[in-house]
Amino acid sequence: MEPGLPRLVTPEAVVLEFETAGLGSRLLAVLIDLAIQGVLLAVASIALIALASTGGSTTFGLVVVLLVVTAVLLGYPIAFESLWRGRTPGKAALGLRVVTTDGAPIRFRHAAVRGFLTLVDFYLTSGAAAVLAILCTRDNQRLGDLAAGTLVLRQRTGAVPPAPAAFAVPPGHEAYAATLDPAGLGGDDHVAVRSFLLRAPGLPHETRTALAVQLATAIAGRMHHTPPPGTNPEAFLACVAAVHQARSTPGGAPITGAVPTPAVTRPTSVPSPPPSSGGPAVGDGLPPPS
């Protein structure tokens, strides 16, 4: 099965395209981790043998053995993936990382589910369950990934590292943008605005215009804001994105038109939908530069 190419848009408007790790790279990563775990068990065995030679309690020795084996087999992957942002030494050596299915860093609960299911994926089935699951799932997920909602991604590829998209106010609209207050918008609203602006250049003209009008009307309504007559929907959305990005940047980046923003089209005719939630419809044209 060929690796998938998940595309993600983060809240910072970074478009990410990753390659899921295939069977070969994951197998090599597991072998590296198993080798390290074997060394740890060998060192622990030597220490326990030395302890037993001193005449220690047999029951105490068995308890210690069980604790050490559990810590190495289960604690090793859980601790590393929780504390090292989804990596173990084996995964780091192969350029792999575990993330959630929406691209976020994994937490302890994800690592714990993955760790406990290694008992089924690897130890109880000698790896057969993991191999079959990886080969049969679209995103190369083993049983632990399916249960935890995670993916193993290949980070080291020939692709250019993604860069954050910087939104700017259309030239001449700085004074208007300074009057906007997007604080009332939720996280989903900002993601929708950024996603539209990033994808707008590749959309057909009619689709781009209709989506811009629909989204701008909804956003203006949630902001309880009345745009000036003749405001271009896409220009309004660009102003909202730029103001939000400027205010969320540490140090308060100034609002400026110097950084390129996705091109704003100026349609000759834009249908105006009826206002929703008390919000005004956003028409066509750009407000005159101040």
C-alpha atoms as a PDB file:
ATOM      1  CA  MET A   1       0.000   0.000   0.000  1.00  0.00           C
ATOM      2  CA  GLU A   2       1.388   3.395  -0.972  1.00  0.00           C
ATOM      3  CA  PRO A   3       1.771   5.928   1.860  1.00  0.00           C
ATOM      4  CA  GLY A   4      -0.976   8.544   2.099  1.00  0.00           C
ATOM      5  CA  LEU A   5      -0.399  12.272   1.951  1.00  0.00           C
ATOM      6  CA  PRO A   6      -2.484  13.900   4.701  1.00  0.00           C
ATOM      7  CA  ARG A   7      -2.957  17.655   4.232  1.00  0.00           C
ATOM      8  CA  LEU A   8      -3.465  19.744   7.345  1.00  0.00           C
ATOM      9  CA  VAL A   9      -4.060  23.445   7.940  1.00  0.00           C
ATOM     10  CA  THR A  10      -2.933  24.424  11.434  1.00  0.00           C
ATOM     11  CA  PRO A  11      -4.434  27.340  13.417  1.00  0.00           C
ATOM     12  CA  GLU A  12      -1.331  29.320  12.422  1.00  0.00           C
ATOM     13  CA  ALA A  13      -2.330  28.910   8.753  1.00  0.00           C
ATOM     14  CA  VAL A  14       0.512  26.519   8.014  1.00  0.00           C
ATOM     15  CA  VAL A  15      -0.443  24.102   5.258  1.00  0.00           C
ATOM     16  CA  LEU A  16       1.226  20.791   5.987  1.00  0.00           C
ATOM     17  CA  GLU A  17       1.535  17.809   3.706  1.00  0.00           C
ATOM     18  CA  PHE A  18       3.100  14.743   5.292  1.00  0.00           C
ATOM     19  CA  GLU A  19       3.916  11.258   4.127  1.00  0.00           C
ATOM     20  CA  THR A  20       2.741   8.515   6.421  1.00  0.00           C
ATOM     21  CA  ALA A  21       5.477   6.089   7.403  1.00  0.00           C
ATOM     22  CA  GLY A  22       5.372   2.784   5.552  1.00  0.00           C
ATOM     23  CA  LEU A  23       5.978  -0.726   6.780  1.00  0.00           C
ATOM     24  CA  GLY A  24       9.719  -0.744   6.070  1.00  0.00           C
ATOM     25  CA  SER A  25      10.651   2.394   7.997  1.00  0.00           C
ATOM     26  CA  ARG A  26       8.377   1.488  10.896  1.00  0.00           C
ATOM     27  CA  LEU A  27       9.867  -2.005  11.086  1.00  0.00           C
ATOM     28  CA  LEU A  28      13.406  -0.597  11.228  1.00  0.00           C
ATOM     29  CA  ALA A  29      12.362   1.861  13.947  1.00  0.00           C
ATOM     30  CA  VAL A  30      10.844  -0.979  15.990  1.00  0.00           C
ATOM     31  CA  LEU A  31      13.997  -3.073  15.598  1.00  0.00           C
ATOM     32  CA  ILE A  32      16.138  -0.190  16.879  1.00  0.00           C
ATOM     33  CA  ASP A  33      13.854   0.273  19.881  1.00  0.00           C
ATOM     34  CA  LEU A  34      13.815  -3.477  20.579  1.00  0.00           C
ATOM     35  CA  ALA A  35      17.612  -3.535  20.507  1.00  0.00           C
ATOM     36  CA  ILE A  36      17.738  -0.724  23.066  1.00  0.00           C
ATOM     37  CA  GLN A  37      15.133  -2.468  25.207  1.00  0.00           C
ATOM     38  CA  GLY A  38      17.164  -5.684  24.984  1.00  0.00           C
ATOM     39  CA  VAL A  39      20.240  -3.872  26.271  1.00  0.00           C
ATOM     40  CA  LEU A  40      18.217  -2.422  29.144  1.00  0.00           C
ATOM     41  CA  LEU A  41      16.868  -5.854  30.051  1.00  0.00           C
ATOM     42  CA  ALA A  42      20.364  -7.344  29.900  1.00  0.00           C
ATOM     43  CA  VAL A  43      21.734  -4.664  32.228  1.00  0.00           C
ATOM     44  CA  ALA A  44      18.780  -5.164  34.583  1.00  0.00           C
ATOM     45  CA  SER A  45      19.317  -8.947  34.524  1.00  0.00           C
ATOM     46  CA  ILE A  46      22.960  -8.569  35.508  1.00  0.00           C
ATOM     47  CA  ALA A  47      21.957  -6.299  38.364  1.00  0.00           C
ATOM     48  CA  LEU A  48      19.290  -8.746  39.540  1.00  0.00           C
ATOM     49  CA  ILE A  49      21.699 -11.691  39.380  1.00  0.00           C
ATOM     50  CA  ALA A  50      24.146  -9.727  41.489  1.00  0.00           C
ATOM     51  CA  LEU A  51      21.350  -8.931  43.933  1.00  0.00           C
ATOM     52  CA  ALA A  52      20.311 -12.591  44.138  1.00  0.00           C
ATOM     53  CA  SER A  53      23.881 -13.667  44.874  1.00  0.00           C
ATOM     54  CA  THR A  54      23.781 -11.606  48.052  1.00  0.00           C
ATOM     55  CA  GLY A  55      21.008 -13.846  49.430  1.00  0.00           C
ATOM     56  CA  GLY A  56      18.044 -11.587  48.796  1.00  0.00           C
ATOM     57  CA  SER A  57      14.422 -12.770  49.045  1.00  0.00           C
ATOM     58  CA  THR A  58      13.182 -14.823  46.075  1.00  0.00           C
ATOM     59  CA  THR A  59       9.729 -13.206  46.221  1.00  0.00           C
ATOM     60  CA  PHE A  60      11.264  -9.743  46.234  1.00  0.00           C
ATOM     61  CA  GLY A  61      13.423 -10.716  43.272  1.00  0.00           C
ATOM     62  CA  LEU A  62      10.402 -11.904  41.256  1.00  0.00           C
ATOM     63  CA  VAL A  63       8.526  -8.676  41.966  1.00  0.00           C
ATOM     64  CA  VAL A  64      11.521  -6.646  40.854  1.00  0.00           C
ATOM     65  CA  VAL A  65      11.837  -8.728  37.658  1.00  0.00           C
ATOM     66  CA  LEU A  66       8.163  -8.148  36.791  1.00  0.00           C
ATOM     67  CA  LEU A  67       8.469  -4.419  37.443  1.00  0.00           C
ATOM     68  CA  VAL A  68      11.623  -4.137  35.334  1.00  0.00           C
ATOM     69  CA  VAL A  69      10.174  -6.099  32.413  1.00  0.00           C
ATOM     70  CA  THR A  70       6.960  -4.036  32.514  1.00  0.00           C
ATOM     71  CA  ALA A  71       8.904  -0.783  32.685  1.00  0.00           C
ATOM     72  CA  VAL A  72      11.094  -1.739  29.724  1.00  0.00           C
ATOM     73  CA  LEU A  73       8.413  -3.241  27.478  1.00  0.00           C
ATOM     74  CA  LEU A  74       5.588  -0.781  28.220  1.00  0.00           C
ATOM     75  CA  GLY A  75       7.150   2.165  30.022  1.00  0.00           C
ATOM     76  CA  TYR A  76       9.849   2.684  27.390  1.00  0.00           C
ATOM     77  CA  PRO A  77       7.545   3.568  24.438  1.00  0.00           C
ATOM     78  CA  ILE A  78       4.964   5.356  26.593  1.00  0.00           C
ATOM     79  CA  ALA A  79       7.529   7.544  28.350  1.00  0.00           C
ATOM     80  CA  PHE A  80       9.472   8.438  25.217  1.00  0.00           C
ATOM     81  CA  GLU A  81       6.414   9.212  23.072  1.00  0.00           C
ATOM     82  CA  SER A  82       4.811  11.291  25.846  1.00  0.00           C
ATOM     83  CA  LEU A  83       7.910  13.309  26.729  1.00  0.00           C
ATOM     84  CA  TRP A  84       9.587  13.492  23.295  1.00  0.00           C
ATOM     85  CA  ARG A  85       6.561  14.642  21.267  1.00  0.00           C
ATOM     86  CA  GLY A  86       5.742  11.338  19.632  1.00  0.00           C
ATOM     87  CA  ARG A  87       9.245   9.989  19.122  1.00  0.00           C
ATOM     88  CA  THR A  88      11.288   7.103  20.470  1.00  0.00           C
ATOM     89  CA  PRO A  89      15.004   6.641  19.719  1.00  0.00           C
ATOM     90  CA  GLY A  90      14.071   4.290  16.883  1.00  0.00           C
ATOM     91  CA  LYS A  91      11.563   6.691  15.368  1.00  0.00           C
ATOM     92  CA  ALA A  92      13.949   9.631  15.735  1.00  0.00           C
ATOM     93  CA  ALA A  93      16.684   7.683  13.914  1.00  0.00           C
ATOM     94  CA  LEU A  94      14.309   7.068  10.964  1.00  0.00           C
ATOM     95  CA  GLY A  95      12.785  10.567  10.983  1.00  0.00           C
ATOM     96  CA  LEU A  96       9.359   9.401  12.187  1.00  0.00           C
ATOM     97  CA  ARG A  97       6.944  10.999  14.613  1.00  0.00           C
ATOM     98  CA  VAL A  98       3.563  10.028  16.058  1.00  0.00           C
ATOM     99  CA  VAL A  99       0.815  12.663  15.863  1.00  0.00           C
ATOM    100  CA  THR A 100      -2.946  12.624  16.285  1.00  0.00           C
ATOM    101  CA  THR A 101      -5.117  12.216  13.197  1.00  0.00           C
ATOM    102  CA  ASP A 102      -5.722  15.989  13.142  1.00  0.00           C
ATOM    103  CA  GLY A 103      -1.991  16.728  13.243  1.00  0.00           C
ATOM    104  CA  ALA A 104      -1.672  17.713  16.911  1.00  0.00           C
ATOM    105  CA  PRO A 105       1.097  16.424  19.212  1.00  0.00           C
ATOM    106  CA  ILE A 106       0.110  13.280  21.079  1.00  0.00           C
ATOM    107  CA  ARG A 107      -0.525  13.292  24.816  1.00  0.00           C
ATOM    108  CA  PHE A 108       0.016  10.679  27.503  1.00  0.00           C
ATOM    109  CA  ARG A 109      -3.345   8.996  26.846  1.00  0.00           C
ATOM    110  CA  HIS A 110      -2.455   8.454  23.192  1.00  0.00           C
ATOM    111  CA  ALA A 111       0.957   7.061  24.073  1.00  0.00           C
ATOM    112  CA  ALA A 112      -0.556   4.836  26.774  1.00  0.00           C
ATOM    113  CA  VAL A 113      -3.115   3.288  24.404  1.00  0.00           C
ATOM    114  CA  ARG A 114      -0.422   2.716  21.778  1.00  0.00           C
ATOM    115  CA  GLY A 115       1.936   1.266  24.380  1.00  0.00           C
ATOM    116  CA  PHE A 116      -0.531  -1.221  25.846  1.00  0.00           C
ATOM    117  CA  LEU A 117      -1.637  -2.387  22.411  1.00  0.00           C
ATOM    118  CA  THR A 118       1.956  -3.248  21.512  1.00  0.00           C
ATOM    119  CA  LEU A 119       1.201  -6.383  23.549  1.00  0.00           C
ATOM    120  CA  VAL A 120      -1.214  -7.415  20.783  1.00  0.00           C
ATOM    121  CA  ASP A 121       0.497  -5.749  17.831  1.00  0.00           C
ATOM    122  CA  PHE A 122       3.951  -7.177  18.498  1.00  0.00           C
ATOM    123  CA  TYR A 123       4.411  -9.529  21.434  1.00  0.00           C
ATOM    124  CA  LEU A 124       1.301 -11.763  21.405  1.00  0.00           C
ATOM    125  CA  THR A 125       1.185 -12.059  17.596  1.00  0.00           C
ATOM    126  CA  SER A 126       4.917 -11.771  16.867  1.00  0.00           C
ATOM    127  CA  GLY A 127       4.216  -8.596  14.900  1.00  0.00           C
ATOM    128  CA  ALA A 128       1.674 -10.184  12.537  1.00  0.00           C
ATOM    129  CA  ALA A 129      -1.213  -8.017  13.770  1.00  0.00           C
ATOM    130  CA  ALA A 130       0.786  -4.824  13.254  1.00  0.00           C
ATOM    131  CA  VAL A 131       1.946  -5.837   9.766  1.00  0.00           C
ATOM    132  CA  LEU A 132      -1.562  -6.776   8.601  1.00  0.00           C
ATOM    133  CA  ALA A 133      -3.098  -3.602  10.021  1.00  0.00           C
ATOM    134  CA  ILE A 134      -0.466  -1.365   8.395  1.00  0.00           C
ATOM    135  CA  LEU A 135      -0.902  -3.069   5.029  1.00  0.00           C
ATOM    136  CA  CYS A 136      -4.711  -2.947   5.145  1.00  0.00           C
ATOM    137  CA  THR A 137      -5.310   0.620   6.379  1.00  0.00           C
ATOM    138  CA  ARG A 138      -5.203   3.697   4.177  1.00  0.00           C
ATOM    139  CA  ASP A 139      -2.866   5.671   6.470  1.00  0.00           C
ATOM    140  CA  ASN A 140      -0.598   2.768   7.499  1.00  0.00           C
ATOM    141  CA  GLN A 141      -2.009   2.495  11.014  1.00  0.00           C
ATOM    142  CA  ARG A 142      -1.459  -0.448  13.335  1.00  0.00           C
ATOM    143  CA  LEU A 143      -4.054  -1.465  15.932  1.00  0.00           C
ATOM    144  CA  GLY A 144      -2.539   0.883  18.503  1.00  0.00           C
ATOM    145  CA  ASP A 145      -2.856   3.796  16.080  1.00  0.00           C
ATOM    146  CA  LEU A 146      -6.475   2.975  15.259  1.00  0.00           C
ATOM    147  CA  ALA A 147      -7.429   2.765  18.930  1.00  0.00           C
ATOM    148  CA  ALA A 148      -5.512   5.912  19.938  1.00  0.00           C
ATOM    149  CA  GLY A 149      -6.442   7.978  16.874  1.00  0.00           C
ATOM    150  CA  THR A 150      -2.842   8.539  15.789  1.00  0.00           C
ATOM    151  CA  LEU A 151      -0.644   8.473  12.686  1.00  0.00           C
ATOM    152  CA  VAL A 152       3.064   7.832  12.249  1.00  0.00           C
ATOM    153  CA  LEU A 153       4.465  10.435   9.856  1.00  0.00           C
ATOM    154  CA  ARG A 154       7.727  10.601   7.988  1.00  0.00           C
ATOM    155  CA  GLN A 155       9.270  13.997   8.661  1.00  0.00           C
ATOM    156  CA  ARG A 156      12.510  13.800   6.741  1.00  0.00           C
ATOM    157  CA  THR A 157      11.515  14.150   3.088  1.00  0.00           C
ATOM    158  CA  GLY A 158      12.782  16.143   0.149  1.00  0.00           C
ATOM    159  CA  ALA A 159       9.942  18.629   0.460  1.00  0.00           C
ATOM    160  CA  VAL A 160      10.620  22.228   1.406  1.00  0.00           C
ATOM    161  CA  PRO A 161       9.708  22.815   5.080  1.00  0.00           C
ATOM    162  CA  PRO A 162       6.325  24.544   5.338  1.00  0.00           C
ATOM    163  CA  ALA A 163       6.302  28.237   6.227  1.00  0.00           C
ATOM    164  CA  PRO A 164       3.519  30.163   7.994  1.00  0.00           C
ATOM    165  CA  ALA A 165       1.270  32.187   5.703  1.00  0.00           C
ATOM    166  CA  ALA A 166       1.450  35.877   6.578  1.00  0.00           C
ATOM    167  CA  PHE A 167      -1.776  37.738   5.874  1.00  0.00           C
ATOM    168  CA  ALA A 168      -1.690  41.473   5.246  1.00  0.00           C
ATOM    169  CA  VAL A 169      -4.257  44.200   4.860  1.00  0.00           C
ATOM    170  CA  PRO A 170      -4.854  45.090   1.182  1.00  0.00           C
ATOM    171  CA  PRO A 171      -2.884  48.270   0.405  1.00  0.00           C
ATOM    172  CA  GLY A 172      -4.751  51.426   1.367  1.00  0.00           C
ATOM    173  CA  HIS A 173      -7.069  49.735   3.866  1.00  0.00           C
ATOM    174  CA  GLU A 174      -4.936  49.978   6.995  1.00  0.00           C
ATOM    175  CA  ALA A 175      -7.193  52.597   8.632  1.00  0.00           C
ATOM    176  CA  TYR A 176     -10.303  50.484   8.032  1.00  0.00           C
ATOM    177  CA  ALA A 177      -8.599  47.333   9.307  1.00  0.00           C
ATOM    178  CA  ALA A 178      -7.612  49.163  12.490  1.00  0.00           C
ATOM    179  CA  THR A 179     -11.320  49.569  13.315  1.00  0.00           C
ATOM    180  CA  LEU A 180     -11.975  45.824  13.202  1.00  0.00           C
ATOM    181  CA  ASP A 181     -12.209  43.796  16.385  1.00  0.00           C
ATOM    182  CA  PRO A 182     -12.163  40.038  15.665  1.00  0.00           C
ATOM    183  CA  ALA A 183     -12.017  39.136  19.365  1.00  0.00           C
ATOM    184  CA  GLY A 184     -15.586  37.855  19.276  1.00  0.00           C
ATOM    185  CA  LEU A 185     -14.785  35.221  16.669  1.00  0.00           C
ATOM    186  CA  GLY A 186     -14.120  31.647  17.703  1.00  0.00           C
ATOM    187  CA  GLY A 187     -11.210  29.468  16.712  1.00  0.00           C
ATOM    188  CA  ASP A 188     -13.266  27.731  14.026  1.00  0.00           C
ATOM    189  CA  ASP A 189     -14.138  31.105  12.487  1.00  0.00           C
ATOM    190  CA  HIS A 190     -10.478  32.099  12.187  1.00  0.00           C
ATOM    191  CA  VAL A 191      -9.573  28.716  10.736  1.00  0.00           C
ATOM    192  CA  ALA A 192     -12.350  29.062   8.154  1.00  0.00           C
ATOM    193  CA  VAL A 193     -11.156  32.528   7.113  1.00  0.00           C
ATOM    194  CA  ARG A 194      -7.516  31.455   6.840  1.00  0.00           C
ATOM    195  CA  SER A 195      -8.392  28.275   4.974  1.00  0.00           C
ATOM    196  CA  PHE A 196     -10.469  30.191   2.441  1.00  0.00           C
ATOM    197  CA  LEU A 197      -7.775  32.815   1.815  1.00  0.00           C
ATOM    198  CA  LEU A 198      -5.155  30.113   1.324  1.00  0.00           C
ATOM    199  CA  ARG A 199      -7.269  28.180  -1.143  1.00  0.00           C
ATOM    200  CA  ALA A 200      -8.971  31.090  -2.909  1.00  0.00           C
ATOM    201  CA  PRO A 201      -6.403  31.498  -5.731  1.00  0.00           C
ATOM    202  CA  GLY A 202      -7.038  27.934  -6.886  1.00  0.00           C
ATOM    203  CA  LEU A 203     -10.839  28.129  -6.896  1.00  0.00           C
ATOM    204  CA  PRO A 204     -13.008  28.818  -9.959  1.00  0.00           C
ATOM    205  CA  HIS A 205     -14.139  32.457 -10.137  1.00  0.00           C
ATOM    206  CA  GLU A 206     -17.824  31.768  -9.472  1.00  0.00           C
ATOM    207  CA  THR A 207     -17.085  29.418  -6.570  1.00  0.00           C
ATOM    208  CA  ARG A 208     -14.545  31.822  -5.109  1.00  0.00           C
ATOM    209  CA  THR A 209     -16.995  34.736  -5.266  1.00  0.00           C
ATOM    210  CA  ALA A 210     -19.890  32.788  -3.760  1.00  0.00           C
ATOM    211  CA  LEU A 211     -17.790  31.404  -0.907  1.00  0.00           C
ATOM    212  CA  ALA A 212     -16.316  34.832  -0.168  1.00  0.00           C
ATOM    213  CA  VAL A 213     -19.779  36.424   0.056  1.00  0.00           C
ATOM    214  CA  GLN A 214     -21.160  33.629   2.231  1.00  0.00           C
ATOM    215  CA  LEU A 215     -18.207  33.541   4.619  1.00  0.00           C
ATOM    216  CA  ALA A 216     -17.819  37.327   4.844  1.00  0.00           C
ATOM    217  CA  THR A 217     -21.515  37.757   5.650  1.00  0.00           C
ATOM    218  CA  ALA A 218     -21.323  35.137   8.412  1.00  0.00           C
ATOM    219  CA  ILE A 219     -18.115  36.585   9.880  1.00  0.00           C
ATOM    220  CA  ALA A 220     -19.468  40.159   9.830  1.00  0.00           C
ATOM    221  CA  GLY A 221     -22.597  38.975  11.613  1.00  0.00           C
ATOM    222  CA  ARG A 222     -20.609  37.258  14.365  1.00  0.00           C
ATOM    223  CA  MET A 223     -18.481  40.390  14.797  1.00  0.00           C
ATOM    224  CA  HIS A 224     -21.633  42.600  14.924  1.00  0.00           C
ATOM    225  CA  HIS A 225     -19.838  44.727  12.365  1.00  0.00           C
ATOM    226  CA  THR A 226     -21.263  46.664   9.405  1.00  0.00           C
ATOM    227  CA  PRO A 227     -18.675  46.944   6.622  1.00  0.00           C
ATOM    228  CA  PRO A 228     -18.607  50.158   4.589  1.00  0.00           C
ATOM    229  CA  PRO A 229     -20.804  50.155   1.487  1.00  0.00           C
ATOM    230  CA  GLY A 230     -19.151  48.447  -1.447  1.00  0.00           C
ATOM    231  CA  THR A 231     -16.726  46.384   0.640  1.00  0.00           C
ATOM    232  CA  ASN A 232     -15.227  43.506  -1.289  1.00  0.00           C
ATOM    233  CA  PRO A 233     -15.944  40.259   0.630  1.00  0.00           C
ATOM    234  CA  GLU A 234     -12.455  38.850   0.108  1.00  0.00           C
ATOM    235  CA  ALA A 235     -10.826  42.145   1.110  1.00  0.00           C
ATOM    236  CA  PHE A 236     -12.884  42.143   4.299  1.00  0.00           C
ATOM    237  CA  LEU A 237     -11.781  38.587   5.111  1.00  0.00           C
ATOM    238  CA  ALA A 238      -8.145  39.509   4.407  1.00  0.00           C
ATOM    239  CA  CYS A 239      -8.456  42.433   6.848  1.00  0.00           C
ATOM    240  CA  VAL A 240      -9.953  40.155   9.523  1.00  0.00           C
ATOM    241  CA  ALA A 241      -7.165  37.577   9.068  1.00  0.00           C
ATOM    242  CA  ALA A 242      -4.444  40.232   9.122  1.00  0.00           C
ATOM    243  CA  VAL A 243      -5.791  41.929  12.253  1.00  0.00           C
ATOM    244  CA  HIS A 244      -6.174  38.602  14.079  1.00  0.00           C
ATOM    245  CA  GLN A 245      -2.676  37.498  13.081  1.00  0.00           C
ATOM    246  CA  ALA A 246      -1.170  40.850  14.089  1.00  0.00           C
ATOM    247  CA  ARG A 247      -2.837  40.791  17.500  1.00  0.00           C
ATOM    248  CA  SER A 248      -1.971  37.164  18.195  1.00  0.00           C
ATOM    249  CA  THR A 249       1.706  37.675  17.304  1.00  0.00           C
ATOM    250  CA  PRO A 250       3.964  38.174  20.353  1.00  0.00           C
ATOM    251  CA  GLY A 251       4.940  41.823  20.548  1.00  0.00           C
ATOM    252  CA  GLY A 252       1.913  42.982  18.580  1.00  0.00           C
ATOM    253  CA  ALA A 253       3.046  43.087  14.979  1.00  0.00           C
ATOM    254  CA  PRO A 254       1.837  46.266  13.234  1.00  0.00           C
ATOM    255  CA  ILE A 255      -0.900  46.130  10.626  1.00  0.00           C
ATOM    256  CA  THR A 256       0.755  46.697   7.293  1.00  0.00           C
ATOM    257  CA  GLY A 257       0.247  45.951   3.650  1.00  0.00           C
ATOM    258  CA  ALA A 258       3.906  45.176   3.059  1.00  0.00           C
ATOM    259  CA  VAL A 259       3.575  41.386   3.350  1.00  0.00           C
ATOM    260  CA  PRO A 260       1.938  39.695   0.338  1.00  0.00           C
ATOM    261  CA  THR A 261      -1.587  38.426   0.901  1.00  0.00           C
ATOM    262  CA  PRO A 262      -3.543  36.086  -1.392  1.00  0.00           C
ATOM    263  CA  ALA A 263      -4.738  38.116  -4.362  1.00  0.00           C
ATOM    264  CA  VAL A 264      -8.114  39.795  -3.849  1.00  0.00           C
ATOM    265  CA  THR A 265     -10.358  39.691  -6.890  1.00  0.00           C
ATOM    266  CA  ARG A 266     -12.761  42.497  -7.624  1.00  0.00           C
ATOM    267  CA  PRO A 267     -15.825  40.969  -9.269  1.00  0.00           C
ATOM    268  CA  THR A 268     -18.078  43.243 -11.246  1.00  0.00           C
ATOM    269  CA  SER A 269     -21.189  41.704  -9.727  1.00  0.00           C
ATOM    270  CA  VAL A 270     -21.469  39.904  -6.421  1.00  0.00           C
ATOM    271  CA  PRO A 271     -24.820  38.498  -5.275  1.00  0.00           C
ATOM    272  CA  SER A 272     -25.663  39.733  -1.785  1.00  0.00           C
ATOM    273  CA  PRO A 273     -27.288  37.082   0.437  1.00  0.00           C
ATOM    274  CA  PRO A 274     -29.791  38.143   3.076  1.00  0.00           C
ATOM    275  CA  PRO A 275     -28.231  39.152   6.399  1.00  0.00           C
ATOM    276  CA  SER A 276     -27.945  36.341   8.956  1.00  0.00           C
ATOM    277  CA  SER A 277     -27.821  36.576  12.748  1.00  0.00           C
ATOM    278  CA  GLY A 278     -28.157  40.320  12.573  1.00  0.00           C
ATOM    279  CA  GLY A 279     -25.035  40.597  10.435  1.00  0.00           C
ATOM    280  CA  PRO A 280     -24.879  42.751   7.314  1.00  0.00           C
ATOM    281  CA  ALA A 281     -24.343  41.341   3.885  1.00  0.00           C
ATOM    282  CA  VAL A 282     -21.022  42.225   2.338  1.00  0.00           C
ATOM    283  CA  GLY A 283     -21.237  43.591  -1.196  1.00  0.00           C
ATOM    284  CA  ASP A 284     -18.776  43.999  -4.002  1.00  0.00           C
ATOM    285  CA  GLY A 285     -16.079  46.569  -4.541  1.00  0.00           C
ATOM    286  CA  LEU A 286     -13.295  47.858  -2.267  1.00  0.00           C
ATOM    287  CA  PRO A 287     -13.785  50.684   0.232  1.00  0.00           C
ATOM    288  CA  PRO A 288     -11.939  53.793  -0.898  1.00  0.00           C
ATOM    289  CA  PRO A 289      -8.395  54.002   0.495  1.00  0.00           C
ATOM    290  CA  SER A 290      -8.106  56.311   3.436  1.00  0.00           C
END
